[in-house]
Protein backbone atom coordinates (compact mmCIF):
# COMPACT_ATOMS: atom_id res chain seq x y z
CA MET A 1 52.69 203.42 -24.23
CA GLN A 2 56.15 205.01 -25.69
CA GLY A 3 55.87 204.98 -29.72
CA ASN A 4 60.00 204.94 -29.85
CA LEU A 5 60.27 201.80 -28.01
CA PRO A 6 60.85 198.52 -29.87
CA THR A 7 57.95 195.62 -30.22
CA ILE A 8 59.46 192.84 -28.70
CA ALA A 9 57.97 189.09 -28.92
CA ILE A 10 59.26 186.47 -26.81
CA LEU A 11 59.35 183.17 -29.06
CA GLY A 12 58.75 179.89 -27.15
CA GLY A 13 57.06 182.37 -24.49
CA THR A 14 54.66 181.05 -22.52
CA GLY A 15 57.39 179.01 -19.89
CA LYS A 16 57.98 180.94 -16.25
CA GLU A 17 60.77 182.45 -18.11
CA GLY A 18 59.69 183.77 -21.33
CA THR A 19 56.23 185.39 -19.40
CA GLY A 20 58.40 186.74 -16.78
CA LEU A 21 60.34 188.92 -18.74
CA ALA A 22 56.88 189.56 -21.05
CA LEU A 23 54.93 191.20 -17.40
CA ARG A 24 58.12 193.20 -16.51
CA TRP A 25 58.88 194.85 -20.40
CA ALA A 26 54.84 195.47 -21.11
CA HIS A 27 54.69 197.20 -17.15
CA ALA A 28 58.15 199.25 -18.79
CA GLY A 29 55.85 200.22 -21.68
CA TYR A 30 57.45 197.88 -24.17
CA SER A 31 54.85 196.58 -26.97
CA ILE A 32 54.66 192.94 -26.10
CA ILE A 33 53.94 189.31 -28.52
CA ILE A 34 53.53 186.20 -26.88
CA GLY A 35 54.86 183.65 -29.23
CA SER A 36 53.54 180.09 -29.53
CA ARG A 37 53.93 177.32 -31.44
CA GLN A 38 49.80 177.16 -30.49
CA LEU A 39 47.94 180.33 -31.07
CA GLU A 40 45.49 179.62 -28.65
CA LYS A 41 47.95 179.13 -25.64
CA ALA A 42 50.22 182.13 -26.92
CA GLN A 43 47.05 183.85 -26.99
CA ALA A 44 46.13 182.87 -23.48
CA ALA A 45 48.70 183.70 -21.93
CA ALA A 46 48.88 187.15 -23.29
CA ALA A 47 45.31 187.55 -21.83
CA GLU A 48 46.62 186.17 -18.02
CA LEU A 49 49.09 188.69 -18.61
CA ASN A 50 46.86 191.24 -19.35
CA ALA A 51 45.35 190.50 -16.70
CA GLN A 52 48.02 191.92 -14.34
CA LEU A 53 48.48 194.74 -15.79
CA GLY A 54 45.00 196.01 -15.69
CA ALA A 55 45.22 196.82 -19.44
CA ALA A 56 45.94 194.80 -23.09
CA LEU A 57 49.75 195.94 -23.43
CA VAL A 58 50.60 191.95 -25.00
CA SER A 59 49.26 189.80 -27.55
CA GLY A 60 49.88 186.33 -28.87
CA MET A 61 50.65 184.70 -31.27
CA GLU A 62 52.30 181.77 -33.49
CA ASN A 63 55.80 182.28 -33.23
CA ALA A 64 56.48 182.62 -36.39
CA ASP A 65 53.95 185.39 -37.09
CA ALA A 66 55.11 186.96 -33.81
CA ALA A 67 59.06 187.40 -35.07
CA ARG A 68 58.28 188.94 -37.85
CA LYS A 69 55.98 191.55 -36.87
CA ALA A 70 58.21 192.24 -33.90
CA ASP A 71 61.15 194.86 -33.43
CA LEU A 72 63.83 192.88 -32.02
CA CYS A 73 62.60 189.06 -30.42
CA VAL A 74 63.69 186.37 -27.72
CA LEU A 75 63.73 182.40 -27.84
CA THR A 76 62.81 181.95 -24.60
CA VAL A 77 62.20 177.94 -25.58
CA VAL A 78 63.31 175.09 -23.41
CA GLN A 79 66.97 173.28 -24.51
CA GLY A 80 64.77 170.61 -26.70
CA ALA A 81 63.10 172.59 -29.08
CA HIS A 82 66.23 175.08 -29.36
CA GLN A 83 67.17 172.90 -32.72
CA GLN A 84 63.39 173.01 -33.84
CA ALA A 85 62.27 176.30 -32.78
CA LEU A 86 65.57 178.32 -35.14
CA GLU A 87 65.22 176.05 -38.06
CA SER A 88 61.45 176.63 -37.83
CA LEU A 89 61.80 180.58 -37.27
CA LYS A 90 64.78 180.74 -40.04
CA GLU A 91 63.20 182.83 -42.88
CA ALA A 92 61.46 184.86 -40.31
CA LEU A 93 64.07 186.11 -38.70
CA GLN A 94 66.19 187.43 -40.88
CA GLY A 95 66.70 191.59 -39.89
CA LYS A 96 65.85 191.04 -36.69
CA VAL A 97 68.10 190.82 -33.47
CA LEU A 98 67.35 187.33 -31.62
CA VAL A 99 68.39 187.62 -27.98
CA ASP A 100 68.78 183.15 -27.53
CA ALA A 101 68.23 183.01 -23.72
CA THR A 102 68.21 179.05 -23.23
CA ALA A 103 70.73 177.52 -21.23
CA ARG A 104 71.09 173.98 -22.09
CA VAL A 105 71.49 172.68 -19.11
CA ASP A 106 69.17 170.13 -16.97
CA PHE A 107 67.34 170.99 -13.91
CA ARG A 108 67.96 167.14 -12.45
CA ASP A 109 71.18 166.71 -12.86
CA PRO A 110 72.83 170.01 -13.29
CA ARG A 111 76.36 170.13 -14.98
CA PRO A 112 78.33 172.82 -17.43
CA PRO A 113 77.16 171.90 -21.49
CA GLU A 114 79.45 171.41 -24.32
CA PRO A 115 80.65 174.27 -26.52
CA PRO A 116 79.50 175.69 -28.75
CA ALA A 117 77.12 177.91 -27.22
CA ALA A 118 72.92 178.18 -27.48
CA ALA A 119 73.54 181.07 -28.64
CA ARG A 120 76.80 180.64 -31.67
CA HIS A 121 75.17 177.44 -32.17
CA ALA A 122 72.21 179.61 -33.42
CA GLN A 123 74.35 182.32 -35.09
CA THR A 124 75.49 179.78 -37.40
CA LEU A 125 72.16 178.12 -38.54
CA LEU A 126 70.06 181.87 -39.16
CA GLY A 127 73.04 183.17 -41.01
CA PRO A 128 74.14 186.43 -41.39
CA GLY A 129 70.76 187.96 -41.82
CA VAL A 130 69.94 187.70 -37.94
CA ARG A 131 72.12 189.20 -35.16
CA VAL A 132 71.81 187.02 -32.40
CA VAL A 133 72.81 188.17 -28.35
CA ALA A 134 73.23 185.58 -25.45
CA ALA A 135 71.59 187.25 -22.69
CA PHE A 136 69.23 186.13 -19.66
CA GLN A 137 70.06 182.54 -19.09
CA ASN A 138 70.64 182.97 -15.37
CA VAL A 139 67.89 185.45 -14.28
CA PRO A 140 66.15 183.56 -11.70
CA ALA A 141 62.23 182.94 -12.93
CA HIS A 142 60.38 183.61 -10.03
CA SER A 143 61.80 186.72 -9.32
CA LEU A 144 60.62 188.10 -12.61
CA LYS A 145 57.02 188.38 -11.45
CA LYS A 146 57.70 189.94 -7.96
CA ASN A 147 57.97 193.61 -7.37
CA LEU A 148 57.05 195.02 -10.80
CA GLY A 149 58.38 198.32 -11.22
CA LYS A 150 61.51 197.63 -8.89
CA SER A 151 65.10 196.86 -9.16
CA LEU A 152 66.09 193.49 -9.11
CA ASN A 153 68.95 191.97 -6.96
CA THR A 154 70.61 190.60 -10.64
CA ASP A 155 73.29 191.36 -13.51
CA VAL A 156 73.04 190.58 -16.86
CA LEU A 157 76.02 188.76 -18.79
CA ILE A 158 75.25 189.63 -22.63
CA CYS A 159 77.33 188.32 -25.41
CA ALA A 160 77.41 189.23 -28.54
CA ASP A 161 79.16 189.43 -32.12
CA ASP A 162 77.79 192.45 -32.64
CA THR A 163 78.33 195.21 -29.89
CA ASP A 164 75.19 197.38 -31.71
CA ALA A 165 72.51 194.11 -30.72
CA ALA A 166 74.56 193.87 -27.23
CA GLN A 167 73.70 197.10 -26.64
CA GLU A 168 70.03 197.37 -27.51
CA VAL A 169 69.23 194.41 -25.57
CA MET A 170 71.42 195.99 -22.86
CA LEU A 171 69.23 199.13 -22.16
CA LEU A 172 65.73 196.18 -22.59
CA ALA A 173 67.92 194.66 -18.92
CA GLU A 174 68.11 197.97 -17.74
CA ALA A 175 64.61 199.12 -18.36
CA ILE A 176 63.59 196.13 -16.67
CA GLY A 177 65.58 196.54 -13.78
CA MET A 178 69.19 194.48 -13.98
CA ARG A 179 72.49 195.84 -13.88
CA ALA A 180 74.10 194.30 -18.07
CA TYR A 181 77.28 193.96 -18.78
CA TYR A 182 79.10 193.12 -22.47
CA ALA A 183 80.69 189.79 -21.39
CA GLY A 184 82.07 189.19 -24.85
CA MET A 185 81.56 186.84 -28.59
CA LEU A 186 79.10 184.54 -29.15
CA ASP A 187 81.47 181.90 -27.91
CA ASN A 188 82.18 182.88 -24.27
CA ALA A 189 78.44 182.00 -23.91
CA ILE A 190 79.17 179.05 -23.12
CA ILE A 191 80.47 180.07 -19.94
CA VAL A 192 76.86 182.04 -19.24
CA GLU A 193 75.51 178.61 -19.83
CA GLY A 194 77.48 177.20 -17.35
CA LEU A 195 76.62 179.34 -14.55
CA THR A 196 73.23 178.04 -14.91
CA ALA A 197 74.01 174.39 -13.73
CA ILE A 198 75.98 176.43 -10.49
CA LEU A 199 73.30 178.48 -10.01
CA ILE A 200 70.83 175.73 -9.97
CA ASN A 201 73.16 173.18 -7.80
CA LEU A 202 72.98 176.77 -5.13
CA ASN A 203 69.01 176.64 -4.95
CA LYS A 204 69.29 172.85 -4.14
CA HIS A 205 72.04 173.22 -1.74
CA TYR A 206 70.42 176.31 -0.14
CA ASN A 207 66.47 175.63 -0.94
CA THR A 208 65.91 178.87 -2.94
CA LYS A 209 64.53 179.86 -6.04
CA THR A 210 66.48 182.65 -5.82
CA ALA A 211 70.37 182.39 -6.58
CA SER A 212 71.86 184.80 -9.63
CA ILE A 213 75.09 186.92 -9.47
CA SER A 214 76.41 190.05 -9.18
CA VAL A 215 79.57 191.02 -10.92
CA THR A 216 81.85 193.96 -8.90
CA GLY A 217 83.82 196.16 -9.80
CA ILE A 218 82.46 197.77 -12.96
CA ASP A 219 80.33 200.91 -12.05
CA VAL A 220 78.53 200.78 -15.53
CA GLN A 221 76.61 204.62 -14.86
CA SER A 222 80.62 206.25 -15.09
CA LEU A 223 81.64 203.76 -17.72
CA GLY A 224 78.46 204.49 -20.48
CA ASN A 225 78.44 200.31 -20.61
């Protein structure tokens, strides 16, 4: 474990997306906390991940405790739990970077959501003491737990009003094998959420679970992001 890496709390992190991100970050050397409304559920998810990793790299806590202990937080709740999660964690998140991975899209009837973006709503509710970044809405959960340590053939569009916070999250995406691009301020995240609806339709039509997005024409290495 590298001591200079931030501790990441994945709030509402017991689902497929949350545990997939946790697994990849833990494998890359980050200290990970799985958060849940139920302590036992968080601890069970952490134990399962540690068994896969072969080491005790992930811990489980209630969401608020996880947020307080972490350097950076990632919210991976389902759309129906988004408002309640933000309200319950407002105090614990102050002074943190919060990555909001919410895509308000119904899998059964996938359509682009109405504005404001989930991350814009989060920023408004949480206030200026929290730096909200929108990211990972389009990453296929099915791919996250496969081929640990290898690059994923997927790009991440990152939206934030604070470009320094966006840069922190870009580094996190790159650390687990994704290509990351700054895509503008939080209001642009409504388009990123809408892309999730398109990806779900592609998965259904082509009978797959791994449709993702790719950006061409930009060499992020030569531009230094």
